[in-house]
Amino acid sequence: MSLAIGVVSSSKSDMGYDDKSEEIVVGVEGNEKEDKVDEVDTVTKIPRNMSGSSLYTTDVEEDDEDVEGKLQLENLEPDVKILTLVIKSPGRPDNVLAIPEDGKPKGVWFTLKEGSRYSLKFTFQVTNNIVSGLKCVNTVWKTGVKVDSSKNMLGTFSPQPEPYTHELPEDTTPSGILVRGSYSAKTKFLDDDRKCYLEINYTFDIRRDWH
């Protein structure tokens, strides 16, 4: 009997040790799993949040730069530069007029023959922005009295590297002894906003011949 009791108590003691050992093992494994889950969450969640924030910031900066660039282009004032002025008359070589920087040619700028047909052709370049309602305004005086005033509408032009060419409608100089002589004139190139791109104050003659 004592032998049997000893075996039973010994087996119980072994079982108790095994139970404790299993509890300890299970506890360790559970903690390791929890730690691994935390490590995965830490690695995956934080970089994702940082990546999204950085991408959002980059997109906003690029949009701001695009808007700022467009606003700068819209705020640019158009610029028109008159490159050449040419007087054309049938049967005669073109008379290319030199444009001084101050817009005031010295002496008689050109001579027209009375009763002759002529036209004015010019080239100009547009930069920065669209110029709207470009026009050529011409006023003529003789001995201080206004004898002619005209306005020629050229149109609206976009900026481009190549110059534009425009020729005004053909006109005929008056004839007779009363119209011969010296004239003073002012020619201006303006847009719809009354911005003046070139103003030329000059004198010219009308004579019996071209010279």
N, C-alpha and C. Protein backbone atom coordinates (compact mmCIF):
# COMPACT_ATOMS: atom_id res chain seq x y z
N MET A 1 0.83 -1.20 0.00
CA MET A 1 0.00 0.00 0.00
C MET A 1 0.86 1.24 0.00
N SER A 2 1.77 1.25 0.83
CA SER A 2 2.64 2.41 0.87
C SER A 2 3.36 2.62 -0.47
N LEU A 3 3.64 1.55 -1.12
CA LEU A 3 4.29 1.63 -2.42
C LEU A 3 3.38 2.25 -3.45
N ALA A 4 2.13 1.86 -3.45
CA ALA A 4 1.17 2.43 -4.40
C ALA A 4 0.98 3.89 -4.16
N ILE A 5 0.88 4.28 -2.88
CA ILE A 5 0.71 5.71 -2.57
C ILE A 5 1.92 6.49 -3.04
N GLY A 6 3.06 5.92 -2.87
CA GLY A 6 4.25 6.63 -3.31
C GLY A 6 4.25 6.86 -4.82
N VAL A 7 3.77 5.91 -5.55
CA VAL A 7 3.73 6.06 -7.01
C VAL A 7 2.75 7.14 -7.42
N VAL A 8 1.61 7.15 -6.78
CA VAL A 8 0.59 8.15 -7.12
C VAL A 8 1.08 9.56 -6.81
N SER A 9 1.66 9.70 -5.60
CA SER A 9 2.14 11.05 -5.26
C SER A 9 3.28 11.49 -6.18
N SER A 10 4.11 10.52 -6.56
CA SER A 10 5.20 10.85 -7.47
C SER A 10 4.69 11.26 -8.84
N SER A 11 3.64 10.53 -9.32
CA SER A 11 3.09 10.91 -10.63
C SER A 11 2.41 12.26 -10.59
N LYS A 12 1.74 12.56 -9.48
CA LYS A 12 1.12 13.89 -9.35
C LYS A 12 2.16 14.99 -9.36
N SER A 13 3.26 14.70 -8.64
CA SER A 13 4.32 15.71 -8.61
C SER A 13 4.86 15.97 -10.00
N ASP A 14 5.00 14.90 -10.79
CA ASP A 14 5.51 15.07 -12.16
C ASP A 14 4.52 15.84 -13.01
N MET A 15 3.24 15.53 -12.83
CA MET A 15 2.21 16.24 -13.61
C MET A 15 2.17 17.72 -13.26
N GLY A 16 2.32 17.99 -11.98
CA GLY A 16 2.33 19.41 -11.59
C GLY A 16 3.49 20.15 -12.20
N TYR A 17 4.61 19.58 -12.28
CA TYR A 17 5.80 20.22 -12.88
C TYR A 17 5.59 20.48 -14.35
N ASP A 18 4.95 19.42 -14.99
CA ASP A 18 4.69 19.58 -16.43
C ASP A 18 3.70 20.70 -16.69
N ASP A 19 2.68 20.80 -15.85
CA ASP A 19 1.68 21.86 -16.04
C ASP A 19 2.32 23.23 -15.93
N LYS A 20 3.16 23.36 -14.91
CA LYS A 20 3.82 24.66 -14.73
C LYS A 20 4.73 24.98 -15.91
N SER A 21 5.40 23.94 -16.38
CA SER A 21 6.31 24.16 -17.51
C SER A 21 5.54 24.60 -18.74
N GLU A 22 4.39 23.97 -18.98
CA GLU A 22 3.58 24.34 -20.15
C GLU A 22 3.06 25.75 -20.02
N GLU A 23 2.66 26.13 -18.81
CA GLU A 23 2.18 27.50 -18.62
C GLU A 23 3.29 28.50 -18.91
N ILE A 24 4.47 28.19 -18.46
CA ILE A 24 5.60 29.10 -18.69
C ILE A 24 5.90 29.20 -20.17
N VAL A 25 5.90 28.06 -20.86
CA VAL A 25 6.19 28.07 -22.30
C VAL A 25 5.14 28.84 -23.06
N VAL A 26 3.87 28.60 -22.70
CA VAL A 26 2.78 29.31 -23.39
C VAL A 26 2.88 30.80 -23.16
N GLY A 27 3.22 31.16 -21.95
CA GLY A 27 3.34 32.59 -21.66
C GLY A 27 4.43 33.25 -22.47
N VAL A 28 5.53 32.58 -22.60
CA VAL A 28 6.64 33.15 -23.38
C VAL A 28 6.26 33.30 -24.83
N GLU A 29 5.63 32.25 -25.39
CA GLU A 29 5.22 32.31 -26.80
C GLU A 29 4.20 33.41 -27.03
N GLY A 30 3.27 33.56 -26.11
CA GLY A 30 2.27 34.62 -26.27
C GLY A 30 2.89 35.98 -26.28
N ASN A 31 3.84 36.24 -25.40
CA ASN A 31 4.50 37.54 -25.34
C ASN A 31 5.28 37.81 -26.61
N GLU A 32 5.95 36.75 -27.09
CA GLU A 32 6.73 36.93 -28.33
C GLU A 32 5.82 37.29 -29.48
N LYS A 33 4.65 36.67 -29.57
CA LYS A 33 3.71 36.97 -30.66
C LYS A 33 3.23 38.41 -30.57
N GLU A 34 2.90 38.82 -29.33
CA GLU A 34 2.43 40.20 -29.14
C GLU A 34 3.52 41.20 -29.51
N ASP A 35 4.77 40.88 -29.10
CA ASP A 35 5.87 41.77 -29.44
C ASP A 35 6.07 41.87 -30.93
N LYS A 36 5.94 40.73 -31.64
CA LYS A 36 6.12 40.72 -33.09
C LYS A 36 5.03 41.52 -33.77
N VAL A 37 3.79 41.42 -33.26
CA VAL A 37 2.69 42.19 -33.84
C VAL A 37 2.94 43.68 -33.68
N ASP A 38 3.41 44.06 -32.47
CA ASP A 38 3.70 45.48 -32.23
C ASP A 38 4.79 45.97 -33.16
N GLU A 39 5.83 45.12 -33.35
CA GLU A 39 6.92 45.51 -34.23
C GLU A 39 6.44 45.69 -35.66
N VAL A 40 5.55 44.80 -36.13
CA VAL A 40 5.02 44.90 -37.50
C VAL A 40 4.20 46.17 -37.65
N ASP A 41 3.34 46.44 -36.64
CA ASP A 41 2.52 47.65 -36.72
C ASP A 41 3.39 48.89 -36.73
N THR A 42 4.44 48.87 -35.90
CA THR A 42 5.33 50.02 -35.82
C THR A 42 6.03 50.25 -37.15
N VAL A 43 6.44 49.18 -37.80
CA VAL A 43 7.18 49.31 -39.07
C VAL A 43 6.26 49.73 -40.20
N THR A 44 5.05 49.18 -40.24
CA THR A 44 4.18 49.40 -41.39
C THR A 44 3.36 50.68 -41.29
N LYS A 45 2.87 51.01 -40.09
CA LYS A 45 1.95 52.14 -39.96
C LYS A 45 2.65 53.49 -40.05
N ILE A 46 3.73 53.66 -39.35
CA ILE A 46 4.38 54.97 -39.27
C ILE A 46 4.95 55.40 -40.62
N PRO A 47 5.69 54.51 -41.33
CA PRO A 47 6.18 54.93 -42.66
C PRO A 47 5.05 55.26 -43.61
N ARG A 48 3.91 54.55 -43.51
CA ARG A 48 2.80 54.85 -44.41
C ARG A 48 2.27 56.25 -44.16
N ASN A 49 2.12 56.59 -42.89
CA ASN A 49 1.64 57.93 -42.57
C ASN A 49 2.62 59.00 -43.03
N MET A 50 3.90 58.76 -42.82
CA MET A 50 4.92 59.72 -43.25
C MET A 50 4.95 59.85 -44.76
N SER A 51 4.81 58.74 -45.47
CA SER A 51 4.85 58.76 -46.93
C SER A 51 3.67 59.54 -47.48
N GLY A 52 2.48 59.33 -46.93
CA GLY A 52 1.30 60.06 -47.41
C GLY A 52 1.43 61.54 -47.18
N SER A 53 1.98 61.91 -46.00
CA SER A 53 2.15 63.33 -45.69
C SER A 53 3.12 63.99 -46.64
N SER A 54 4.24 63.28 -46.92
CA SER A 54 5.25 63.87 -47.81
C SER A 54 4.71 64.01 -49.22
N LEU A 55 3.95 63.01 -49.70
CA LEU A 55 3.37 63.11 -51.04
C LEU A 55 2.39 64.26 -51.12
N TYR A 56 1.57 64.44 -50.10
CA TYR A 56 0.58 65.52 -50.09
C TYR A 56 1.27 66.87 -50.12
N THR A 57 2.34 67.01 -49.33
CA THR A 57 3.07 68.28 -49.30
C THR A 57 3.68 68.58 -50.65
N THR A 58 4.24 67.57 -51.31
CA THR A 58 4.84 67.77 -52.64
C THR A 58 3.81 68.22 -53.66
N ASP A 59 2.63 67.58 -53.65
CA ASP A 59 1.57 67.95 -54.59
C ASP A 59 1.13 69.39 -54.37
N VAL A 60 0.98 69.80 -53.11
CA VAL A 60 0.54 71.16 -52.81
C VAL A 60 1.57 72.17 -53.29
N GLU A 61 2.87 71.87 -53.05
CA GLU A 61 3.93 72.78 -53.49
C GLU A 61 3.95 72.93 -55.01
N GLU A 62 3.77 71.80 -55.72
CA GLU A 62 3.77 71.87 -57.18
C GLU A 62 2.58 72.67 -57.68
N ASP A 63 1.40 72.49 -57.07
CA ASP A 63 0.22 73.26 -57.47
C ASP A 63 0.44 74.74 -57.23
N ASP A 64 1.03 75.09 -56.09
CA ASP A 64 1.30 76.50 -55.78
C ASP A 64 2.25 77.12 -56.80
N GLU A 65 3.27 76.35 -57.22
CA GLU A 65 4.22 76.86 -58.20
C GLU A 65 3.54 77.09 -59.55
N ASP A 66 2.64 76.17 -59.94
CA ASP A 66 1.93 76.32 -61.21
C ASP A 66 1.05 77.56 -61.19
N VAL A 67 0.32 77.76 -60.09
CA VAL A 67 -0.57 78.93 -59.97
C VAL A 67 0.24 80.21 -60.00
N GLU A 68 1.36 80.22 -59.27
CA GLU A 68 2.20 81.41 -59.22
C GLU A 68 2.77 81.73 -60.60
N GLY A 69 3.18 80.69 -61.34
CA GLY A 69 3.70 80.90 -62.70
C GLY A 69 2.66 81.47 -63.63
N LYS A 70 1.41 80.97 -63.54
CA LYS A 70 0.33 81.48 -64.37
C LYS A 70 0.01 82.93 -64.05
N LEU A 71 0.01 83.26 -62.76
CA LEU A 71 -0.28 84.63 -62.35
C LEU A 71 0.79 85.59 -62.86
N GLN A 72 2.05 85.15 -62.82
CA GLN A 72 3.12 85.99 -63.33
C GLN A 72 2.96 86.26 -64.81
N LEU A 73 2.56 85.23 -65.58
CA LEU A 73 2.35 85.41 -67.01
C LEU A 73 1.19 86.35 -67.28
N GLU A 74 0.09 86.22 -66.48
CA GLU A 74 -1.07 87.06 -66.68
C GLU A 74 -0.78 88.51 -66.35
N ASN A 75 0.12 88.75 -65.41
CA ASN A 75 0.42 90.11 -64.98
C ASN A 75 1.44 90.81 -65.88
N LEU A 76 2.05 90.09 -66.81
CA LEU A 76 3.03 90.71 -67.70
C LEU A 76 2.34 91.68 -68.66
N GLU A 77 2.91 92.86 -68.82
CA GLU A 77 2.40 93.84 -69.76
C GLU A 77 2.88 93.50 -71.17
N PRO A 78 1.99 93.61 -72.17
CA PRO A 78 2.45 93.37 -73.54
C PRO A 78 3.45 94.43 -73.97
N ASP A 79 4.32 94.05 -74.86
CA ASP A 79 5.30 95.00 -75.39
C ASP A 79 5.32 94.88 -76.91
N VAL A 80 5.28 96.02 -77.58
CA VAL A 80 5.29 96.07 -79.04
C VAL A 80 6.47 96.94 -79.48
N LYS A 81 7.28 96.39 -80.34
CA LYS A 81 8.42 97.15 -80.87
C LYS A 81 8.28 97.27 -82.37
N ILE A 82 8.24 98.51 -82.85
CA ILE A 82 8.18 98.77 -84.29
C ILE A 82 9.59 98.61 -84.86
N LEU A 83 9.74 97.68 -85.78
CA LEU A 83 11.08 97.36 -86.29
C LEU A 83 11.43 98.17 -87.54
N THR A 84 10.50 98.26 -88.49
CA THR A 84 10.79 98.99 -89.74
C THR A 84 9.57 99.78 -90.19
N LEU A 85 9.83 100.87 -90.89
CA LEU A 85 8.79 101.68 -91.54
C LEU A 85 9.22 101.90 -92.99
N VAL A 86 8.32 101.58 -93.91
CA VAL A 86 8.65 101.65 -95.33
C VAL A 86 7.53 102.37 -96.08
N ILE A 87 7.89 103.34 -96.93
CA ILE A 87 6.92 103.99 -97.82
C ILE A 87 7.00 103.31 -99.18
N LYS A 88 5.87 102.78 -99.63
CA LYS A 88 5.79 102.09 -100.91
C LYS A 88 4.98 102.94 -101.89
N SER A 89 5.48 102.98 -103.14
CA SER A 89 4.77 103.68 -104.20
C SER A 89 4.97 102.92 -105.51
N PRO A 90 3.92 102.71 -106.28
CA PRO A 90 4.04 101.92 -107.52
C PRO A 90 5.11 102.48 -108.45
N GLY A 91 5.96 101.59 -108.95
CA GLY A 91 7.00 101.98 -109.89
C GLY A 91 8.23 102.58 -109.25
N ARG A 92 8.29 102.61 -107.93
CA ARG A 92 9.45 103.19 -107.26
C ARG A 92 10.02 102.22 -106.23
N PRO A 93 11.33 102.32 -105.96
CA PRO A 93 11.93 101.48 -104.91
C PRO A 93 11.33 101.83 -103.55
N ASP A 94 11.27 100.86 -102.68
CA ASP A 94 10.77 101.12 -101.33
C ASP A 94 11.68 102.11 -100.60
N ASN A 95 11.04 103.04 -99.89
CA ASN A 95 11.78 104.03 -99.12
C ASN A 95 11.77 103.59 -97.65
N VAL A 96 12.88 103.00 -97.21
CA VAL A 96 12.99 102.51 -95.83
C VAL A 96 13.39 103.67 -94.93
N LEU A 97 12.55 103.95 -93.94
CA LEU A 97 12.78 105.08 -93.04
C LEU A 97 13.50 104.62 -91.78
N ALA A 98 14.55 105.33 -91.42
CA ALA A 98 15.27 105.03 -90.18
C ALA A 98 14.48 105.60 -89.00
N ILE A 99 14.29 104.76 -87.97
CA ILE A 99 13.54 105.18 -86.79
C ILE A 99 14.53 105.54 -85.68
N PRO A 100 14.66 106.83 -85.36
CA PRO A 100 15.58 107.21 -84.28
C PRO A 100 15.05 106.77 -82.92
N GLU A 101 15.94 106.57 -81.96
CA GLU A 101 15.55 106.10 -80.64
C GLU A 101 14.67 107.10 -79.91
N ASP A 102 14.90 108.39 -80.12
CA ASP A 102 14.09 109.40 -79.43
C ASP A 102 12.79 109.71 -80.17
N GLY A 103 12.57 109.08 -81.33
CA GLY A 103 11.34 109.30 -82.08
C GLY A 103 11.26 110.66 -82.76
N LYS A 104 12.41 111.30 -82.98
CA LYS A 104 12.42 112.63 -83.59
C LYS A 104 13.46 112.68 -84.70
N PRO A 105 13.08 112.28 -85.91
CA PRO A 105 14.02 112.37 -87.03
C PRO A 105 14.43 113.83 -87.28
N LYS A 106 15.69 113.99 -87.63
CA LYS A 106 16.19 115.34 -87.89
C LYS A 106 15.95 115.74 -89.34
N GLY A 107 15.55 117.00 -89.56
CA GLY A 107 15.32 117.50 -90.91
C GLY A 107 14.07 116.90 -91.52
N VAL A 108 13.99 116.93 -92.85
CA VAL A 108 12.85 116.37 -93.58
C VAL A 108 13.01 114.86 -93.64
N TRP A 109 12.03 114.15 -93.09
CA TRP A 109 12.15 112.69 -92.98
C TRP A 109 11.95 112.01 -94.33
N PHE A 110 11.03 112.52 -95.14
CA PHE A 110 10.80 111.95 -96.48
C PHE A 110 10.05 112.98 -97.32
N THR A 111 10.02 112.73 -98.63
CA THR A 111 9.34 113.60 -99.59
C THR A 111 8.35 112.78 -100.40
N LEU A 112 7.15 113.32 -100.61
CA LEU A 112 6.14 112.68 -101.45
C LEU A 112 5.85 113.57 -102.66
N LYS A 113 5.61 112.91 -103.77
CA LYS A 113 5.25 113.65 -104.98
C LYS A 113 3.75 113.92 -104.98
N GLU A 114 3.36 115.14 -105.35
CA GLU A 114 1.94 115.47 -105.37
C GLU A 114 1.19 114.58 -106.37
N GLY A 115 -0.01 114.17 -105.98
CA GLY A 115 -0.84 113.33 -106.85
C GLY A 115 -0.35 111.90 -107.00
N SER A 116 0.54 111.46 -106.15
CA SER A 116 1.09 110.10 -106.28
C SER A 116 0.41 109.14 -105.29
N ARG A 117 0.40 107.89 -105.68
CA ARG A 117 -0.15 106.85 -104.79
C ARG A 117 0.97 106.30 -103.91
N TYR A 118 0.63 106.05 -102.68
CA TYR A 118 1.63 105.53 -101.75
C TYR A 118 0.93 104.76 -100.63
N SER A 119 1.70 103.97 -99.91
CA SER A 119 1.19 103.25 -98.74
C SER A 119 2.33 103.08 -97.74
N LEU A 120 1.97 102.90 -96.49
CA LEU A 120 2.95 102.72 -95.43
C LEU A 120 2.93 101.26 -94.96
N LYS A 121 4.08 100.61 -95.00
CA LYS A 121 4.21 99.24 -94.52
C LYS A 121 5.19 99.21 -93.36
N PHE A 122 4.87 98.44 -92.35
CA PHE A 122 5.76 98.35 -91.20
C PHE A 122 5.74 96.94 -90.62
N THR A 123 6.83 96.62 -89.93
CA THR A 123 6.94 95.34 -89.22
C THR A 123 7.07 95.64 -87.74
N PHE A 124 6.52 94.77 -86.92
CA PHE A 124 6.59 94.98 -85.47
C PHE A 124 6.60 93.62 -84.78
N GLN A 125 7.11 93.61 -83.57
CA GLN A 125 7.21 92.38 -82.79
C GLN A 125 6.45 92.54 -81.48
N VAL A 126 5.71 91.49 -81.11
CA VAL A 126 4.92 91.48 -79.88
C VAL A 126 5.52 90.47 -78.92
N THR A 127 5.76 90.89 -77.67
CA THR A 127 6.32 90.00 -76.65
C THR A 127 5.53 90.12 -75.35
N ASN A 128 5.79 89.19 -74.43
CA ASN A 128 5.25 89.14 -73.07
C ASN A 128 3.80 88.70 -72.98
N ASN A 129 2.90 89.40 -73.70
CA ASN A 129 1.48 89.10 -73.56
C ASN A 129 0.73 89.58 -74.79
N ILE A 130 -0.56 89.27 -74.86
CA ILE A 130 -1.39 89.66 -76.00
C ILE A 130 -1.61 91.17 -75.98
N VAL A 131 -1.44 91.81 -77.12
CA VAL A 131 -1.76 93.23 -77.25
C VAL A 131 -3.10 93.34 -77.96
N SER A 132 -4.00 94.10 -77.35
CA SER A 132 -5.37 94.18 -77.84
C SER A 132 -5.64 95.55 -78.45
N GLY A 133 -6.23 95.55 -79.65
CA GLY A 133 -6.64 96.79 -80.30
C GLY A 133 -5.50 97.70 -80.69
N LEU A 134 -4.44 97.12 -81.25
CA LEU A 134 -3.32 97.95 -81.69
C LEU A 134 -3.76 98.82 -82.86
N LYS A 135 -3.37 100.09 -82.82
CA LYS A 135 -3.79 101.03 -83.86
C LYS A 135 -2.68 102.02 -84.17
N CYS A 136 -2.74 102.59 -85.36
CA CYS A 136 -1.80 103.63 -85.79
C CYS A 136 -2.58 104.93 -85.97
N VAL A 137 -2.20 105.93 -85.21
CA VAL A 137 -2.88 107.24 -85.25
C VAL A 137 -1.93 108.26 -85.86
N ASN A 138 -2.41 108.98 -86.85
CA ASN A 138 -1.57 109.93 -87.57
C ASN A 138 -2.25 111.30 -87.62
N THR A 139 -1.49 112.35 -87.30
CA THR A 139 -2.00 113.72 -87.35
C THR A 139 -1.01 114.59 -88.11
N VAL A 140 -1.53 115.45 -89.00
CA VAL A 140 -0.67 116.28 -89.88
C VAL A 140 -1.09 117.75 -89.75
N TRP A 141 -0.06 118.62 -89.70
CA TRP A 141 -0.28 120.06 -89.64
C TRP A 141 0.49 120.75 -90.77
N LYS A 142 -0.05 121.88 -91.23
CA LYS A 142 0.69 122.73 -92.17
C LYS A 142 0.59 124.16 -91.66
N THR A 143 1.75 124.75 -91.44
CA THR A 143 1.84 126.10 -90.87
C THR A 143 0.99 126.21 -89.59
N GLY A 144 1.06 125.18 -88.76
CA GLY A 144 0.38 125.21 -87.47
C GLY A 144 -1.10 124.86 -87.50
N VAL A 145 -1.66 124.58 -88.68
CA VAL A 145 -3.08 124.25 -88.80
C VAL A 145 -3.23 122.75 -89.11
N LYS A 146 -4.10 122.08 -88.34
CA LYS A 146 -4.32 120.66 -88.59
C LYS A 146 -5.03 120.47 -89.92
N VAL A 147 -4.43 119.67 -90.78
CA VAL A 147 -5.01 119.44 -92.10
C VAL A 147 -5.45 117.99 -92.32
N ASP A 148 -5.03 117.11 -91.44
CA ASP A 148 -5.43 115.71 -91.61
C ASP A 148 -5.27 114.95 -90.29
N SER A 149 -6.18 114.01 -90.07
CA SER A 149 -6.11 113.13 -88.90
C SER A 149 -6.72 111.79 -89.27
N SER A 150 -6.00 110.72 -88.98
CA SER A 150 -6.49 109.39 -89.34
C SER A 150 -6.14 108.38 -88.26
N LYS A 151 -6.97 107.34 -88.19
CA LYS A 151 -6.74 106.24 -87.24
C LYS A 151 -6.93 104.92 -87.99
N ASN A 152 -5.90 104.11 -87.99
CA ASN A 152 -5.95 102.82 -88.68
C ASN A 152 -5.87 101.70 -87.66
N MET A 153 -6.92 100.87 -87.62
CA MET A 153 -6.96 99.75 -86.68
C MET A 153 -6.17 98.58 -87.25
N LEU A 154 -5.25 98.06 -86.45
CA LEU A 154 -4.42 96.95 -86.89
C LEU A 154 -4.94 95.61 -86.38
N GLY A 155 -5.41 95.56 -85.12
CA GLY A 155 -5.99 94.33 -84.59
C GLY A 155 -5.35 93.90 -83.28
N THR A 156 -5.62 92.65 -82.91
CA THR A 156 -5.10 92.04 -81.68
C THR A 156 -4.08 90.97 -82.05
N PHE A 157 -2.95 90.99 -81.35
CA PHE A 157 -1.84 90.11 -81.72
C PHE A 157 -1.28 89.40 -80.49
N SER A 158 -0.96 88.12 -80.68
CA SER A 158 -0.35 87.32 -79.62
C SER A 158 1.17 87.43 -79.71
N PRO A 159 1.86 87.25 -78.59
CA PRO A 159 3.34 87.27 -78.64
C PRO A 159 3.88 86.09 -79.43
N GLN A 160 4.91 86.35 -80.21
CA GLN A 160 5.55 85.29 -81.00
C GLN A 160 6.95 85.75 -81.38
N PRO A 161 7.86 84.79 -81.65
CA PRO A 161 9.23 85.17 -82.01
C PRO A 161 9.31 85.90 -83.35
N GLU A 162 8.47 85.52 -84.32
CA GLU A 162 8.54 86.13 -85.64
C GLU A 162 7.80 87.47 -85.64
N PRO A 163 8.32 88.47 -86.35
CA PRO A 163 7.64 89.76 -86.41
C PRO A 163 6.39 89.71 -87.31
N TYR A 164 5.47 90.60 -87.03
CA TYR A 164 4.28 90.78 -87.87
C TYR A 164 4.56 91.85 -88.93
N THR A 165 3.88 91.73 -90.06
CA THR A 165 3.97 92.74 -91.13
C THR A 165 2.58 93.25 -91.44
N HIS A 166 2.45 94.57 -91.53
CA HIS A 166 1.15 95.17 -91.82
C HIS A 166 1.35 96.32 -92.79
N GLU A 167 0.44 96.42 -93.75
CA GLU A 167 0.49 97.52 -94.73
C GLU A 167 -0.84 98.27 -94.69
N LEU A 168 -0.75 99.57 -94.52
CA LEU A 168 -1.95 100.40 -94.49
C LEU A 168 -2.54 100.53 -95.89
N PRO A 169 -3.82 100.83 -95.98
CA PRO A 169 -4.46 101.00 -97.30
C PRO A 169 -3.77 102.10 -98.10
N GLU A 170 -3.74 101.90 -99.40
CA GLU A 170 -3.09 102.87 -100.28
C GLU A 170 -3.84 104.20 -100.26
N ASP A 171 -3.09 105.30 -100.35
CA ASP A 171 -3.65 106.65 -100.34
C ASP A 171 -3.01 107.45 -101.47
N THR A 172 -3.56 108.62 -101.76
CA THR A 172 -3.03 109.49 -102.81
C THR A 172 -2.77 110.88 -102.24
N THR A 173 -1.59 111.39 -102.48
CA THR A 173 -1.27 112.74 -101.98
C THR A 173 -2.05 113.78 -102.78
N PRO A 174 -2.47 114.86 -102.13
CA PRO A 174 -3.16 115.92 -102.86
C PRO A 174 -2.21 116.60 -103.85
N SER A 175 -2.75 117.36 -104.76
CA SER A 175 -1.92 118.06 -105.76
C SER A 175 -2.38 119.51 -105.89
N GLY A 176 -1.50 120.31 -106.42
CA GLY A 176 -1.80 121.73 -106.60
C GLY A 176 -0.82 122.59 -105.83
N ILE A 177 -0.78 123.85 -106.24
CA ILE A 177 0.20 124.77 -105.66
C ILE A 177 -0.02 125.00 -104.17
N LEU A 178 -1.29 124.90 -103.74
CA LEU A 178 -1.60 125.19 -102.34
C LEU A 178 -1.15 124.08 -101.40
N VAL A 179 -0.98 122.88 -101.92
CA VAL A 179 -0.62 121.77 -101.03
C VAL A 179 0.88 121.50 -101.02
N ARG A 180 1.60 122.11 -101.93
CA ARG A 180 3.04 121.90 -101.91
C ARG A 180 3.66 122.63 -100.72
N GLY A 181 4.74 122.04 -100.24
CA GLY A 181 5.42 122.68 -99.11
C GLY A 181 5.76 121.68 -98.02
N SER A 182 6.03 122.24 -96.84
CA SER A 182 6.50 121.44 -95.71
C SER A 182 5.37 121.19 -94.71
N TYR A 183 5.36 120.00 -94.14
CA TYR A 183 4.34 119.59 -93.18
C TYR A 183 5.02 119.03 -91.92
N SER A 184 4.35 119.18 -90.80
CA SER A 184 4.77 118.50 -89.57
C SER A 184 3.73 117.45 -89.22
N ALA A 185 4.17 116.38 -88.64
CA ALA A 185 3.26 115.26 -88.37
C ALA A 185 3.66 114.52 -87.11
N LYS A 186 2.69 113.77 -86.59
CA LYS A 186 2.91 112.91 -85.42
C LYS A 186 2.23 111.57 -85.69
N THR A 187 2.99 110.51 -85.55
CA THR A 187 2.46 109.15 -85.72
C THR A 187 2.66 108.38 -84.43
N LYS A 188 1.57 107.76 -83.94
CA LYS A 188 1.64 107.01 -82.69
C LYS A 188 1.04 105.62 -82.88
N PHE A 189 1.63 104.66 -82.17
CA PHE A 189 1.10 103.29 -82.13
C PHE A 189 0.59 103.03 -80.71
N LEU A 190 -0.72 102.82 -80.60
CA LEU A 190 -1.38 102.67 -79.30
C LEU A 190 -2.18 101.38 -79.25
N ASP A 191 -2.54 100.96 -78.01
CA ASP A 191 -3.46 99.83 -77.86
C ASP A 191 -4.76 100.31 -77.22
N ASP A 192 -5.64 99.38 -76.88
CA ASP A 192 -6.94 99.72 -76.30
C ASP A 192 -6.82 100.43 -74.96
N ASP A 193 -5.73 100.20 -74.25
CA ASP A 193 -5.51 100.85 -72.95
C ASP A 193 -4.81 102.19 -73.09
N ARG A 194 -4.68 102.67 -74.31
CA ARG A 194 -4.02 103.94 -74.62
C ARG A 194 -2.53 103.92 -74.30
N LYS A 195 -1.97 102.71 -74.19
CA LYS A 195 -0.54 102.60 -73.99
C LYS A 195 0.16 102.86 -75.31
N CYS A 196 1.12 103.78 -75.29
CA CYS A 196 1.82 104.18 -76.51
C CYS A 196 3.15 103.41 -76.61
N TYR A 197 3.34 102.73 -77.74
CA TYR A 197 4.56 101.95 -77.95
C TYR A 197 5.59 102.70 -78.79
N LEU A 198 5.13 103.64 -79.58
CA LEU A 198 6.05 104.46 -80.37
C LEU A 198 5.35 105.75 -80.77
N GLU A 199 6.05 106.84 -80.58
CA GLU A 199 5.56 108.15 -81.04
C GLU A 199 6.68 108.81 -81.83
N ILE A 200 6.36 109.20 -83.07
CA ILE A 200 7.34 109.83 -83.95
C ILE A 200 6.84 111.23 -84.33
N ASN A 201 7.65 112.21 -84.07
CA ASN A 201 7.36 113.59 -84.48
C ASN A 201 8.34 113.97 -85.58
N TYR A 202 7.82 114.35 -86.74
CA TYR A 202 8.68 114.53 -87.91
C TYR A 202 8.09 115.57 -88.86
N THR A 203 8.90 115.90 -89.88
CA THR A 203 8.45 116.78 -90.96
C THR A 203 8.64 116.06 -92.29
N PHE A 204 7.80 116.38 -93.27
CA PHE A 204 7.93 115.84 -94.62
C PHE A 204 7.47 116.90 -95.62
N ASP A 205 7.85 116.69 -96.87
CA ASP A 205 7.52 117.64 -97.93
C ASP A 205 6.62 116.99 -98.97
N ILE A 206 5.77 117.80 -99.57
CA ILE A 206 5.05 117.41 -100.80
C ILE A 206 5.54 118.35 -101.89
N ARG A 207 6.06 117.74 -102.97
CA ARG A 207 6.67 118.55 -104.04
C ARG A 207 6.13 118.07 -105.40
N ARG A 208 6.57 118.77 -106.44
CA ARG A 208 6.18 118.39 -107.80
C ARG A 208 6.77 117.03 -108.17
N ASP A 209 7.94 116.76 -107.62
CA ASP A 209 8.59 115.47 -107.90
C ASP A 209 9.03 114.85 -106.59
N TRP A 210 9.67 113.71 -106.67
CA TRP A 210 10.08 112.99 -105.48
C TRP A 210 11.27 113.62 -104.80
N HIS A 211 11.96 114.53 -105.46
CA HIS A 211 13.15 115.13 -104.87
C HIS A 211 12.98 116.65 -104.74
